[in-house]
Amino acid sequence: MIELVVALVAGGLTAWLLRRSVKRRAESAAQGDTIRVPCLLRLPAREGRRLRGHMLIGPDVMACLT
């Protein structure tokens, strides 16, 4: 029973934090600002490996950063 309560609290907290960051990102995009989105980058030279990076998205910019 305790495990269920802990799982529900952790799930609720995770959903709240993700929803808050998505909402902030959506508001910035609606204002025309450049937003930074975390992503995984796959490099052709490194078969099967992925690097953590960020994608910059804006009205006049779309770039991937590692």
C-alpha atoms as a PDB file:
ATOM      1  CA  MET A   1       0.000   0.000   0.000  1.00  0.00           C
ATOM      2  CA  ILE A   2       2.830   2.383   0.847  1.00  0.00           C
ATOM      3  CA  GLU A   3       4.499   1.679  -2.502  1.00  0.00           C
ATOM      4  CA  LEU A   4       1.316   2.689  -4.334  1.00  0.00           C
ATOM      5  CA  VAL A   5       1.102   5.986  -2.457  1.00  0.00           C
ATOM      6  CA  VAL A   6       4.777   6.747  -3.126  1.00  0.00           C
ATOM      7  CA  ALA A   7       4.378   5.879  -6.823  1.00  0.00           C
ATOM      8  CA  LEU A   8       1.313   8.121  -7.162  1.00  0.00           C
ATOM      9  CA  VAL A   9       3.028  11.053  -5.436  1.00  0.00           C
ATOM     10  CA  ALA A  10       6.163  10.658  -7.582  1.00  0.00           C
ATOM     11  CA  GLY A  11       4.076  10.396 -10.751  1.00  0.00           C
ATOM     12  CA  GLY A  12       2.054  13.483  -9.858  1.00  0.00           C
ATOM     13  CA  LEU A  13       5.165  15.508  -9.088  1.00  0.00           C
ATOM     14  CA  THR A  14       6.827  14.436 -12.343  1.00  0.00           C
ATOM     15  CA  ALA A  15       3.726  15.310 -14.387  1.00  0.00           C
ATOM     16  CA  TRP A  16       3.468  18.717 -12.699  1.00  0.00           C
ATOM     17  CA  LEU A  17       7.117  19.561 -13.396  1.00  0.00           C
ATOM     18  CA  LEU A  18       6.930  18.449 -17.040  1.00  0.00           C
ATOM     19  CA  ARG A  19       3.682  20.331 -17.639  1.00  0.00           C
ATOM     20  CA  ARG A  20       5.208  23.484 -16.142  1.00  0.00           C
ATOM     21  CA  SER A  21       8.300  23.365 -18.387  1.00  0.00           C
ATOM     22  CA  VAL A  22       6.216  22.623 -21.507  1.00  0.00           C
ATOM     23  CA  LYS A  23       3.887  25.525 -20.695  1.00  0.00           C
ATOM     24  CA  ARG A  24       6.824  27.907 -20.227  1.00  0.00           C
ATOM     25  CA  ARG A  25       8.357  26.758 -23.523  1.00  0.00           C
ATOM     26  CA  ALA A  26       5.026  27.189 -25.352  1.00  0.00           C
ATOM     27  CA  GLU A  27       4.591  30.714 -23.970  1.00  0.00           C
ATOM     28  CA  SER A  28       8.089  31.673 -25.131  1.00  0.00           C
ATOM     29  CA  ALA A  29       7.411  30.265 -28.602  1.00  0.00           C
ATOM     30  CA  ALA A  30       4.111  32.180 -28.812  1.00  0.00           C
ATOM     31  CA  GLN A  31       5.976  35.422 -28.060  1.00  0.00           C
ATOM     32  CA  GLY A  32       8.426  34.714 -30.894  1.00  0.00           C
ATOM     33  CA  ASP A  33      11.426  33.979 -28.679  1.00  0.00           C
ATOM     34  CA  THR A  34      14.046  31.364 -29.501  1.00  0.00           C
ATOM     35  CA  ILE A  35      13.458  28.285 -27.360  1.00  0.00           C
ATOM     36  CA  ARG A  36      15.928  25.573 -26.342  1.00  0.00           C
ATOM     37  CA  VAL A  37      14.619  21.994 -26.406  1.00  0.00           C
ATOM     38  CA  PRO A  38      16.626  19.039 -25.037  1.00  0.00           C
ATOM     39  CA  CYS A  39      17.062  16.149 -27.474  1.00  0.00           C
ATOM     40  CA  LEU A  40      19.235  13.158 -28.375  1.00  0.00           C
ATOM     41  CA  LEU A  41      21.495  13.556 -31.402  1.00  0.00           C
ATOM     42  CA  ARG A  42      22.530  10.577 -33.517  1.00  0.00           C
ATOM     43  CA  LEU A  43      25.824  10.978 -35.318  1.00  0.00           C
ATOM     44  CA  PRO A  44      26.386   8.877 -38.467  1.00  0.00           C
ATOM     45  CA  ALA A  45      30.081   8.427 -37.619  1.00  0.00           C
ATOM     46  CA  ARG A  46      29.207   6.822 -34.272  1.00  0.00           C
ATOM     47  CA  GLU A  47      26.853   4.015 -35.204  1.00  0.00           C
ATOM     48  CA  GLY A  48      24.383   3.222 -32.431  1.00  0.00           C
ATOM     49  CA  ARG A  49      25.552   6.020 -30.121  1.00  0.00           C
ATOM     50  CA  ARG A  50      23.586   9.080 -29.179  1.00  0.00           C
ATOM     51  CA  LEU A  51      24.692  12.347 -27.617  1.00  0.00           C
ATOM     52  CA  ARG A  52      22.611  14.578 -25.403  1.00  0.00           C
ATOM     53  CA  GLY A  53      22.177  17.977 -26.963  1.00  0.00           C
ATOM     54  CA  HIS A  54      19.803  20.885 -27.458  1.00  0.00           C
ATOM     55  CA  MET A  55      17.869  22.167 -30.424  1.00  0.00           C
ATOM     56  CA  LEU A  56      17.368  25.905 -30.784  1.00  0.00           C
ATOM     57  CA  ILE A  57      14.075  26.726 -32.455  1.00  0.00           C
ATOM     58  CA  GLY A  58      12.911  30.219 -33.290  1.00  0.00           C
ATOM     59  CA  PRO A  59      11.434  32.393 -36.005  1.00  0.00           C
ATOM     60  CA  ASP A  60      14.719  32.641 -37.891  1.00  0.00           C
ATOM     61  CA  VAL A  61      16.881  29.962 -36.206  1.00  0.00           C
ATOM     62  CA  MET A  62      16.864  26.169 -36.146  1.00  0.00           C
ATOM     63  CA  ALA A  63      20.131  24.638 -34.979  1.00  0.00           C
ATOM     64  CA  CYS A  64      21.378  21.609 -33.029  1.00  0.00           C
ATOM     65  CA  LEU A  65      23.945  22.041 -30.263  1.00  0.00           C
ATOM     66  CA  THR A  66      25.873  19.373 -28.395  1.00  0.00           C
END
